[in-house]
Amino acid sequence: MAGWAVLLIPHRSEATDEAALPDDYRRILAIVRAADGPVQVRAVGERLGLNASVRGKLEPLRAKMTKLADRGWLHKRPDGRFTARR
């Protein structure tokens, strides 16, 4: 939209539920929620079928997970792992 900033990933407080998220972000959120504890980006990448042995393949995923954390959907721990917000 001309003149309007549109967030692809809404802040959690502004969205009624995760249906407001694009499909790939919902898949990431589901994987993190299904984990028994904090997860590394590599583990999420492996579940998504990415080649986790190549660091460059994980950087776009890391950016998406960080964006989810910045918007309140995930929590990024100081050690770099992610957990789901309840």
C-alpha atoms as a PDB file:
ATOM      1  CA  MET A   1       0.000   0.000   0.000  1.00  0.00           C
ATOM      2  CA  ALA A   2       1.394   3.342  -0.917  1.00  0.00           C
ATOM      3  CA  GLY A   3       2.261   5.379   2.128  1.00  0.00           C
ATOM      4  CA  TRP A   4       1.380   2.639   4.607  1.00  0.00           C
ATOM      5  CA  ALA A   5       3.827   0.389   6.384  1.00  0.00           C
ATOM      6  CA  VAL A   6       2.490  -3.149   6.486  1.00  0.00           C
ATOM      7  CA  LEU A   7       4.022  -5.678   8.852  1.00  0.00           C
ATOM      8  CA  LEU A   8       4.231  -9.158   7.405  1.00  0.00           C
ATOM      9  CA  ILE A   9       4.719 -10.482  10.931  1.00  0.00           C
ATOM     10  CA  PRO A  10       2.357  -8.677  13.317  1.00  0.00           C
ATOM     11  CA  HIS A  11       3.170  -8.097  16.955  1.00  0.00           C
ATOM     12  CA  ARG A  12       1.632 -10.809  19.066  1.00  0.00           C
ATOM     13  CA  SER A  13      -0.457  -8.309  21.027  1.00  0.00           C
ATOM     14  CA  GLU A  14      -1.971  -6.969  17.778  1.00  0.00           C
ATOM     15  CA  ALA A  15      -2.895 -10.350  16.296  1.00  0.00           C
ATOM     16  CA  THR A  16      -5.831 -12.364  17.552  1.00  0.00           C
ATOM     17  CA  ASP A  17      -4.058 -15.663  16.887  1.00  0.00           C
ATOM     18  CA  GLU A  18      -1.228 -17.193  14.922  1.00  0.00           C
ATOM     19  CA  ALA A  19      -3.434 -17.505  11.822  1.00  0.00           C
ATOM     20  CA  ALA A  20      -2.266 -13.943  11.104  1.00  0.00           C
ATOM     21  CA  LEU A  21       1.234 -15.319  10.437  1.00  0.00           C
ATOM     22  CA  PRO A  22       2.431 -16.572   7.031  1.00  0.00           C
ATOM     23  CA  ASP A  23       2.615 -20.381   6.657  1.00  0.00           C
ATOM     24  CA  ASP A  24       6.381 -20.708   7.056  1.00  0.00           C
ATOM     25  CA  TYR A  25       6.311 -18.719  10.299  1.00  0.00           C
ATOM     26  CA  ARG A  26       3.447 -20.869  11.627  1.00  0.00           C
ATOM     27  CA  ARG A  27       5.491 -24.008  10.875  1.00  0.00           C
ATOM     28  CA  ILE A  28       8.466 -22.575  12.798  1.00  0.00           C
ATOM     29  CA  LEU A  29       6.216 -21.695  15.724  1.00  0.00           C
ATOM     30  CA  ALA A  30       4.704 -25.203  15.757  1.00  0.00           C
ATOM     31  CA  ILE A  31       8.140 -26.853  15.812  1.00  0.00           C
ATOM     32  CA  VAL A  32       9.332 -24.690  18.701  1.00  0.00           C
ATOM     33  CA  ARG A  33       6.117 -25.330  20.648  1.00  0.00           C
ATOM     34  CA  ALA A  34       6.394 -29.097  20.130  1.00  0.00           C
ATOM     35  CA  ALA A  35       9.961 -29.194  21.492  1.00  0.00           C
ATOM     36  CA  ASP A  36      10.597 -30.400  25.037  1.00  0.00           C
ATOM     37  CA  GLY A  37      12.728 -27.358  25.817  1.00  0.00           C
ATOM     38  CA  PRO A  38      14.712 -24.563  24.203  1.00  0.00           C
ATOM     39  CA  VAL A  39      15.682 -25.274  20.594  1.00  0.00           C
ATOM     40  CA  GLN A  40      18.566 -24.218  18.417  1.00  0.00           C
ATOM     41  CA  VAL A  41      18.032 -22.855  14.933  1.00  0.00           C
ATOM     42  CA  ARG A  42      19.829 -25.924  13.566  1.00  0.00           C
ATOM     43  CA  ALA A  43      17.232 -28.280  15.102  1.00  0.00           C
ATOM     44  CA  VAL A  44      14.354 -26.300  13.612  1.00  0.00           C
ATOM     45  CA  GLY A  45      16.119 -26.248  10.240  1.00  0.00           C
ATOM     46  CA  GLU A  46      16.527 -30.010  10.317  1.00  0.00           C
ATOM     47  CA  ARG A  47      12.810 -30.461  11.055  1.00  0.00           C
ATOM     48  CA  LEU A  48      12.013 -28.173   8.119  1.00  0.00           C
ATOM     49  CA  GLY A  49      14.245 -30.254   5.831  1.00  0.00           C
ATOM     50  CA  LEU A  50      16.979 -27.650   5.387  1.00  0.00           C
ATOM     51  CA  ASN A  51      20.596 -28.667   4.882  1.00  0.00           C
ATOM     52  CA  ALA A  52      21.747 -27.776   8.409  1.00  0.00           C
ATOM     53  CA  SER A  53      25.378 -28.618   7.665  1.00  0.00           C
ATOM     54  CA  VAL A  54      25.671 -25.437   5.577  1.00  0.00           C
ATOM     55  CA  ARG A  55      25.593 -22.419   7.875  1.00  0.00           C
ATOM     56  CA  GLY A  56      24.388 -20.082   5.145  1.00  0.00           C
ATOM     57  CA  LYS A  57      21.233 -22.147   4.724  1.00  0.00           C
ATOM     58  CA  LEU A  58      20.291 -21.484   8.363  1.00  0.00           C
ATOM     59  CA  GLU A  59      20.769 -17.703   8.389  1.00  0.00           C
ATOM     60  CA  PRO A  60      17.408 -16.880   6.748  1.00  0.00           C
ATOM     61  CA  LEU A  61      15.739 -19.201   9.276  1.00  0.00           C
ATOM     62  CA  ARG A  62      17.603 -17.510  12.138  1.00  0.00           C
ATOM     63  CA  ALA A  63      16.329 -14.152  10.859  1.00  0.00           C
ATOM     64  CA  LYS A  64      12.739 -15.423  10.786  1.00  0.00           C
ATOM     65  CA  MET A  65      12.997 -16.843  14.299  1.00  0.00           C
ATOM     66  CA  THR A  66      14.539 -13.609  15.574  1.00  0.00           C
ATOM     67  CA  LYS A  67      11.726 -11.651  13.939  1.00  0.00           C
ATOM     68  CA  LEU A  68       9.194 -13.885  15.704  1.00  0.00           C
ATOM     69  CA  ALA A  69      11.004 -13.212  18.973  1.00  0.00           C
ATOM     70  CA  ASP A  70      11.124  -9.460  18.342  1.00  0.00           C
ATOM     71  CA  ARG A  71       7.369  -9.438  17.756  1.00  0.00           C
ATOM     72  CA  GLY A  72       6.594 -11.476  20.886  1.00  0.00           C
ATOM     73  CA  TRP A  73       5.743 -14.873  19.349  1.00  0.00           C
ATOM     74  CA  LEU A  74       8.931 -16.581  20.572  1.00  0.00           C
ATOM     75  CA  HIS A  75      11.434 -15.909  23.328  1.00  0.00           C
ATOM     76  CA  LYS A  76      15.130 -15.758  22.397  1.00  0.00           C
ATOM     77  CA  ARG A  77      17.338 -16.812  25.265  1.00  0.00           C
ATOM     78  CA  PRO A  78      20.771 -15.285  25.906  1.00  0.00           C
ATOM     79  CA  ASP A  79      22.394 -18.524  24.683  1.00  0.00           C
ATOM     80  CA  GLY A  80      20.731 -18.094  21.272  1.00  0.00           C
ATOM     81  CA  ARG A  81      18.135 -20.822  21.675  1.00  0.00           C
ATOM     82  CA  PHE A  82      14.408 -20.188  21.323  1.00  0.00           C
ATOM     83  CA  THR A  83      11.368 -21.120  23.388  1.00  0.00           C
ATOM     84  CA  ALA A  84       7.657 -20.608  22.816  1.00  0.00           C
ATOM     85  CA  ARG A  85       5.798 -17.907  24.686  1.00  0.00           C
ATOM     86  CA  ARG A  86       2.815 -19.257  26.557  1.00  0.00           C
END
